[in-house]
Amino acid sequence: MTTDMRDDDLIRDILARVMAVSEDFSQAQALQIEEQVRHDWGGERVFVAKVHHNPKGARHSEQVKMAITTEVEQGMPTRDIERKHGVGRATIYRLLKRG
């Protein structure tokens, strides 16, 4: 979801997504949950972690390693490879070094 499409209010964004996929979830229920969450969490700074496809310690499959190596050899920008495979620059260079 792009920044210009989303509501900058996280609670409303989450509730709107739930309502979009659940026919049984009503606007009244959404408003009640919003009120409860704002009461309980209002004023708090909350960190929402990104989901990583390869958590620390996870090994990359041989197919991913080969794809990264091939893409580097073909001249694909490192940043594009990072985004495509969900890895950091250090991981790319470490995989290339190990050959």
N, C-alpha and C. Protein backbone atom coordinates (compact mmCIF):
# COMPACT_ATOMS: atom_id res chain seq x y z
N MET A 1 0.86 -1.17 0.00
CA MET A 1 0.00 0.00 0.00
C MET A 1 0.90 1.23 0.00
N THR A 2 0.63 2.14 -0.89
CA THR A 2 1.46 3.32 -0.97
C THR A 2 1.04 4.34 0.06
N THR A 3 1.95 5.24 0.39
CA THR A 3 1.70 6.25 1.42
C THR A 3 0.50 7.12 1.08
N ASP A 4 0.33 7.49 -0.19
CA ASP A 4 -0.76 8.38 -0.55
C ASP A 4 -2.12 7.68 -0.51
N MET A 5 -2.16 6.35 -0.51
CA MET A 5 -3.42 5.62 -0.49
C MET A 5 -3.88 5.32 0.93
N ARG A 6 -2.97 5.22 1.87
CA ARG A 6 -3.36 4.80 3.20
C ARG A 6 -3.75 5.98 4.08
N ASP A 7 -4.55 5.64 5.07
CA ASP A 7 -4.90 6.61 6.10
C ASP A 7 -3.71 6.64 7.05
N ASP A 8 -3.23 7.80 7.44
CA ASP A 8 -2.07 7.88 8.31
C ASP A 8 -2.39 7.48 9.75
N ASP A 9 -3.59 7.02 10.00
CA ASP A 9 -3.99 6.54 11.32
C ASP A 9 -3.94 5.02 11.29
N LEU A 10 -2.98 4.45 11.99
CA LEU A 10 -2.75 3.00 11.97
C LEU A 10 -3.98 2.22 12.42
N ILE A 11 -4.63 2.67 13.45
CA ILE A 11 -5.79 1.93 13.97
C ILE A 11 -6.89 1.87 12.91
N ARG A 12 -7.20 2.98 12.30
CA ARG A 12 -8.24 3.00 11.27
C ARG A 12 -7.84 2.17 10.06
N ASP A 13 -6.56 2.20 9.72
CA ASP A 13 -6.08 1.41 8.59
C ASP A 13 -6.27 -0.08 8.85
N ILE A 14 -5.89 -0.54 10.04
CA ILE A 14 -6.04 -1.95 10.39
C ILE A 14 -7.51 -2.35 10.39
N LEU A 15 -8.35 -1.55 11.02
CA LEU A 15 -9.77 -1.87 11.08
C LEU A 15 -10.42 -1.87 9.69
N ALA A 16 -10.01 -0.96 8.83
CA ALA A 16 -10.55 -0.93 7.47
C ALA A 16 -10.16 -2.19 6.72
N ARG A 17 -8.95 -2.68 6.94
CA ARG A 17 -8.52 -3.91 6.28
C ARG A 17 -9.31 -5.11 6.79
N VAL A 18 -9.59 -5.13 8.09
CA VAL A 18 -10.38 -6.23 8.66
C VAL A 18 -11.79 -6.18 8.07
N MET A 19 -12.38 -5.00 8.01
CA MET A 19 -13.73 -4.86 7.47
C MET A 19 -13.78 -5.26 6.00
N ALA A 20 -12.69 -5.03 5.27
CA ALA A 20 -12.66 -5.36 3.85
C ALA A 20 -12.66 -6.87 3.61
N VAL A 21 -12.14 -7.63 4.54
CA VAL A 21 -12.07 -9.08 4.34
C VAL A 21 -13.11 -9.86 5.14
N SER A 22 -13.83 -9.20 6.02
CA SER A 22 -14.81 -9.89 6.86
C SER A 22 -16.18 -9.24 6.71
N GLU A 23 -17.11 -10.02 6.19
CA GLU A 23 -18.47 -9.50 6.03
C GLU A 23 -19.17 -9.33 7.37
N ASP A 24 -18.73 -10.09 8.38
CA ASP A 24 -19.39 -10.06 9.69
C ASP A 24 -18.89 -8.94 10.61
N PHE A 25 -17.86 -8.24 10.19
CA PHE A 25 -17.27 -7.20 11.03
C PHE A 25 -17.91 -5.87 10.67
N SER A 26 -18.67 -5.30 11.60
CA SER A 26 -19.46 -4.10 11.30
C SER A 26 -18.69 -2.82 11.63
N GLN A 27 -19.19 -1.73 11.11
CA GLN A 27 -18.64 -0.40 11.39
C GLN A 27 -18.76 -0.10 12.89
N ALA A 28 -19.86 -0.51 13.50
CA ALA A 28 -20.05 -0.28 14.94
C ALA A 28 -19.00 -1.03 15.75
N GLN A 29 -18.69 -2.25 15.36
CA GLN A 29 -17.65 -3.01 16.05
C GLN A 29 -16.30 -2.34 15.88
N ALA A 30 -16.04 -1.85 14.68
CA ALA A 30 -14.77 -1.17 14.42
C ALA A 30 -14.62 0.06 15.29
N LEU A 31 -15.68 0.84 15.40
CA LEU A 31 -15.63 2.05 16.23
C LEU A 31 -15.43 1.70 17.70
N GLN A 32 -16.07 0.63 18.17
CA GLN A 32 -15.92 0.20 19.57
C GLN A 32 -14.47 -0.23 19.83
N ILE A 33 -13.89 -1.00 18.92
CA ILE A 33 -12.50 -1.44 19.08
C ILE A 33 -11.55 -0.25 19.01
N GLU A 34 -11.81 0.67 18.09
CA GLU A 34 -10.97 1.87 17.98
C GLU A 34 -10.97 2.65 19.29
N GLU A 35 -12.15 2.82 19.88
CA GLU A 35 -12.27 3.56 21.14
C GLU A 35 -11.49 2.86 22.26
N GLN A 36 -11.60 1.53 22.33
CA GLN A 36 -10.89 0.76 23.36
C GLN A 36 -9.37 0.87 23.18
N VAL A 37 -8.92 0.73 21.97
CA VAL A 37 -7.48 0.79 21.70
C VAL A 37 -6.94 2.18 22.02
N ARG A 38 -7.65 3.21 21.61
CA ARG A 38 -7.21 4.57 21.89
C ARG A 38 -7.18 4.84 23.39
N HIS A 39 -8.16 4.30 24.11
CA HIS A 39 -8.18 4.46 25.56
C HIS A 39 -6.97 3.78 26.20
N ASP A 40 -6.70 2.55 25.78
CA ASP A 40 -5.61 1.77 26.38
C ASP A 40 -4.22 2.21 25.93
N TRP A 41 -4.09 2.65 24.68
CA TRP A 41 -2.77 2.95 24.12
C TRP A 41 -2.55 4.42 23.81
N GLY A 42 -3.55 5.26 24.01
CA GLY A 42 -3.44 6.67 23.68
C GLY A 42 -2.22 7.33 24.30
N GLY A 43 -1.45 8.04 23.50
CA GLY A 43 -0.27 8.75 23.98
C GLY A 43 1.00 7.92 23.99
N GLU A 44 0.88 6.60 23.78
CA GLU A 44 2.06 5.73 23.77
C GLU A 44 2.73 5.76 22.40
N ARG A 45 4.04 5.63 22.40
CA ARG A 45 4.77 5.47 21.15
C ARG A 45 4.91 3.97 20.92
N VAL A 46 4.45 3.52 19.78
CA VAL A 46 4.43 2.09 19.48
C VAL A 46 5.31 1.83 18.27
N PHE A 47 6.12 0.78 18.36
CA PHE A 47 6.98 0.37 17.25
C PHE A 47 6.34 -0.83 16.57
N VAL A 48 6.17 -0.74 15.25
CA VAL A 48 5.64 -1.85 14.48
C VAL A 48 6.78 -2.39 13.64
N ALA A 49 7.23 -3.59 13.97
CA ALA A 49 8.37 -4.19 13.27
C ALA A 49 7.94 -4.68 11.90
N LYS A 50 8.85 -4.58 10.94
CA LYS A 50 8.60 -5.15 9.62
C LYS A 50 8.73 -6.66 9.71
N VAL A 51 8.03 -7.33 8.83
CA VAL A 51 8.14 -8.78 8.75
C VAL A 51 9.30 -9.10 7.83
N HIS A 52 10.22 -9.91 8.33
CA HIS A 52 11.36 -10.31 7.52
C HIS A 52 11.13 -11.72 7.02
N HIS A 53 11.36 -11.90 5.74
CA HIS A 53 11.17 -13.22 5.15
C HIS A 53 12.28 -14.18 5.58
N ASN A 54 13.43 -13.63 5.90
CA ASN A 54 14.54 -14.45 6.35
C ASN A 54 15.03 -13.94 7.70
N PRO A 55 14.40 -14.41 8.80
CA PRO A 55 14.84 -13.94 10.10
C PRO A 55 16.29 -14.30 10.36
N LYS A 56 16.91 -13.57 11.27
CA LYS A 56 18.32 -13.82 11.57
C LYS A 56 18.52 -15.28 11.89
N GLY A 57 19.59 -15.83 11.34
CA GLY A 57 19.92 -17.22 11.58
C GLY A 57 19.34 -18.15 10.52
N ALA A 58 18.38 -17.67 9.73
CA ALA A 58 17.81 -18.52 8.70
C ALA A 58 18.79 -18.66 7.55
N ARG A 59 18.85 -19.80 6.99
CA ARG A 59 19.74 -20.04 5.86
C ARG A 59 18.99 -19.77 4.57
N HIS A 60 19.72 -19.32 3.58
CA HIS A 60 19.12 -19.06 2.28
C HIS A 60 19.23 -20.32 1.44
N SER A 61 18.19 -20.60 0.68
CA SER A 61 18.21 -21.79 -0.16
C SER A 61 19.24 -21.62 -1.27
N GLU A 62 19.64 -22.72 -1.82
CA GLU A 62 20.62 -22.69 -2.92
C GLU A 62 20.05 -21.91 -4.11
N GLN A 63 18.73 -22.01 -4.33
CA GLN A 63 18.10 -21.28 -5.44
C GLN A 63 18.23 -19.77 -5.24
N VAL A 64 18.03 -19.32 -4.00
CA VAL A 64 18.15 -17.89 -3.72
C VAL A 64 19.59 -17.44 -3.89
N LYS A 65 20.53 -18.24 -3.38
CA LYS A 65 21.95 -17.89 -3.53
C LYS A 65 22.33 -17.80 -5.00
N MET A 66 21.88 -18.76 -5.79
CA MET A 66 22.20 -18.75 -7.22
C MET A 66 21.56 -17.56 -7.92
N ALA A 67 20.32 -17.24 -7.55
CA ALA A 67 19.62 -16.11 -8.17
C ALA A 67 20.34 -14.81 -7.85
N ILE A 68 20.76 -14.63 -6.60
CA ILE A 68 21.47 -13.41 -6.21
C ILE A 68 22.77 -13.30 -6.97
N THR A 69 23.52 -14.39 -7.05
CA THR A 69 24.80 -14.39 -7.76
C THR A 69 24.59 -14.03 -9.23
N THR A 70 23.60 -14.65 -9.85
CA THR A 70 23.31 -14.38 -11.27
C THR A 70 22.92 -12.93 -11.48
N GLU A 71 22.07 -12.40 -10.60
CA GLU A 71 21.61 -11.02 -10.75
C GLU A 71 22.76 -10.03 -10.59
N VAL A 72 23.69 -10.31 -9.67
CA VAL A 72 24.86 -9.44 -9.51
C VAL A 72 25.70 -9.48 -10.78
N GLU A 73 25.92 -10.70 -11.29
CA GLU A 73 26.73 -10.87 -12.51
C GLU A 73 26.10 -10.17 -13.71
N GLN A 74 24.77 -10.12 -13.74
CA GLN A 74 24.05 -9.46 -14.84
C GLN A 74 24.00 -7.95 -14.67
N GLY A 75 24.51 -7.45 -13.53
CA GLY A 75 24.57 -6.01 -13.33
C GLY A 75 23.35 -5.39 -12.66
N MET A 76 22.50 -6.21 -12.09
CA MET A 76 21.33 -5.66 -11.40
C MET A 76 21.82 -4.85 -10.20
N PRO A 77 21.27 -3.67 -9.96
CA PRO A 77 21.68 -2.86 -8.81
C PRO A 77 21.47 -3.61 -7.50
N THR A 78 22.41 -3.46 -6.61
CA THR A 78 22.36 -4.15 -5.32
C THR A 78 21.07 -3.83 -4.57
N ARG A 79 20.65 -2.58 -4.62
CA ARG A 79 19.42 -2.17 -3.90
C ARG A 79 18.21 -2.95 -4.42
N ASP A 80 18.14 -3.18 -5.73
CA ASP A 80 17.03 -3.95 -6.29
C ASP A 80 17.07 -5.40 -5.82
N ILE A 81 18.27 -5.96 -5.74
CA ILE A 81 18.43 -7.34 -5.26
C ILE A 81 18.01 -7.43 -3.80
N GLU A 82 18.40 -6.43 -3.00
CA GLU A 82 18.02 -6.41 -1.59
C GLU A 82 16.51 -6.46 -1.44
N ARG A 83 15.82 -5.62 -2.19
CA ARG A 83 14.35 -5.55 -2.10
C ARG A 83 13.71 -6.84 -2.59
N LYS A 84 14.20 -7.35 -3.71
CA LYS A 84 13.60 -8.53 -4.32
C LYS A 84 13.68 -9.74 -3.40
N HIS A 85 14.82 -9.92 -2.74
CA HIS A 85 15.04 -11.13 -1.94
C HIS A 85 14.91 -10.89 -0.43
N GLY A 86 14.71 -9.65 -0.02
CA GLY A 86 14.55 -9.35 1.39
C GLY A 86 15.83 -9.58 2.18
N VAL A 87 16.96 -9.25 1.58
CA VAL A 87 18.25 -9.41 2.25
C VAL A 87 18.96 -8.08 2.28
N GLY A 88 19.97 -7.97 3.14
CA GLY A 88 20.77 -6.75 3.22
C GLY A 88 21.98 -6.84 2.31
N ARG A 89 22.60 -5.71 2.10
CA ARG A 89 23.78 -5.63 1.25
C ARG A 89 24.89 -6.54 1.76
N ALA A 90 25.08 -6.58 3.08
CA ALA A 90 26.13 -7.43 3.64
C ALA A 90 25.89 -8.90 3.31
N THR A 91 24.63 -9.31 3.33
CA THR A 91 24.30 -10.70 3.00
C THR A 91 24.65 -11.00 1.55
N ILE A 92 24.36 -10.07 0.66
CA ILE A 92 24.68 -10.26 -0.76
C ILE A 92 26.18 -10.46 -0.92
N TYR A 93 26.96 -9.57 -0.33
CA TYR A 93 28.42 -9.67 -0.48
C TYR A 93 28.97 -10.92 0.21
N ARG A 94 28.36 -11.32 1.31
CA ARG A 94 28.82 -12.54 2.00
C ARG A 94 28.54 -13.77 1.13
N LEU A 95 27.38 -13.79 0.48
CA LEU A 95 27.07 -14.91 -0.40
C LEU A 95 27.99 -14.95 -1.60
N LEU A 96 28.34 -13.78 -2.13
CA LEU A 96 29.26 -13.73 -3.27
C LEU A 96 30.67 -14.17 -2.86
N LYS A 97 31.08 -13.80 -1.67
CA LYS A 97 32.42 -14.14 -1.20
C LYS A 97 32.56 -15.65 -1.01
N ARG A 98 31.51 -16.27 -0.51
CA ARG A 98 31.53 -17.72 -0.27
C ARG A 98 31.50 -18.51 -1.56
N GLY A 99 30.95 -17.86 -2.61
CA GLY A 99 30.92 -18.49 -3.92
C GLY A 99 30.09 -19.66 -3.95
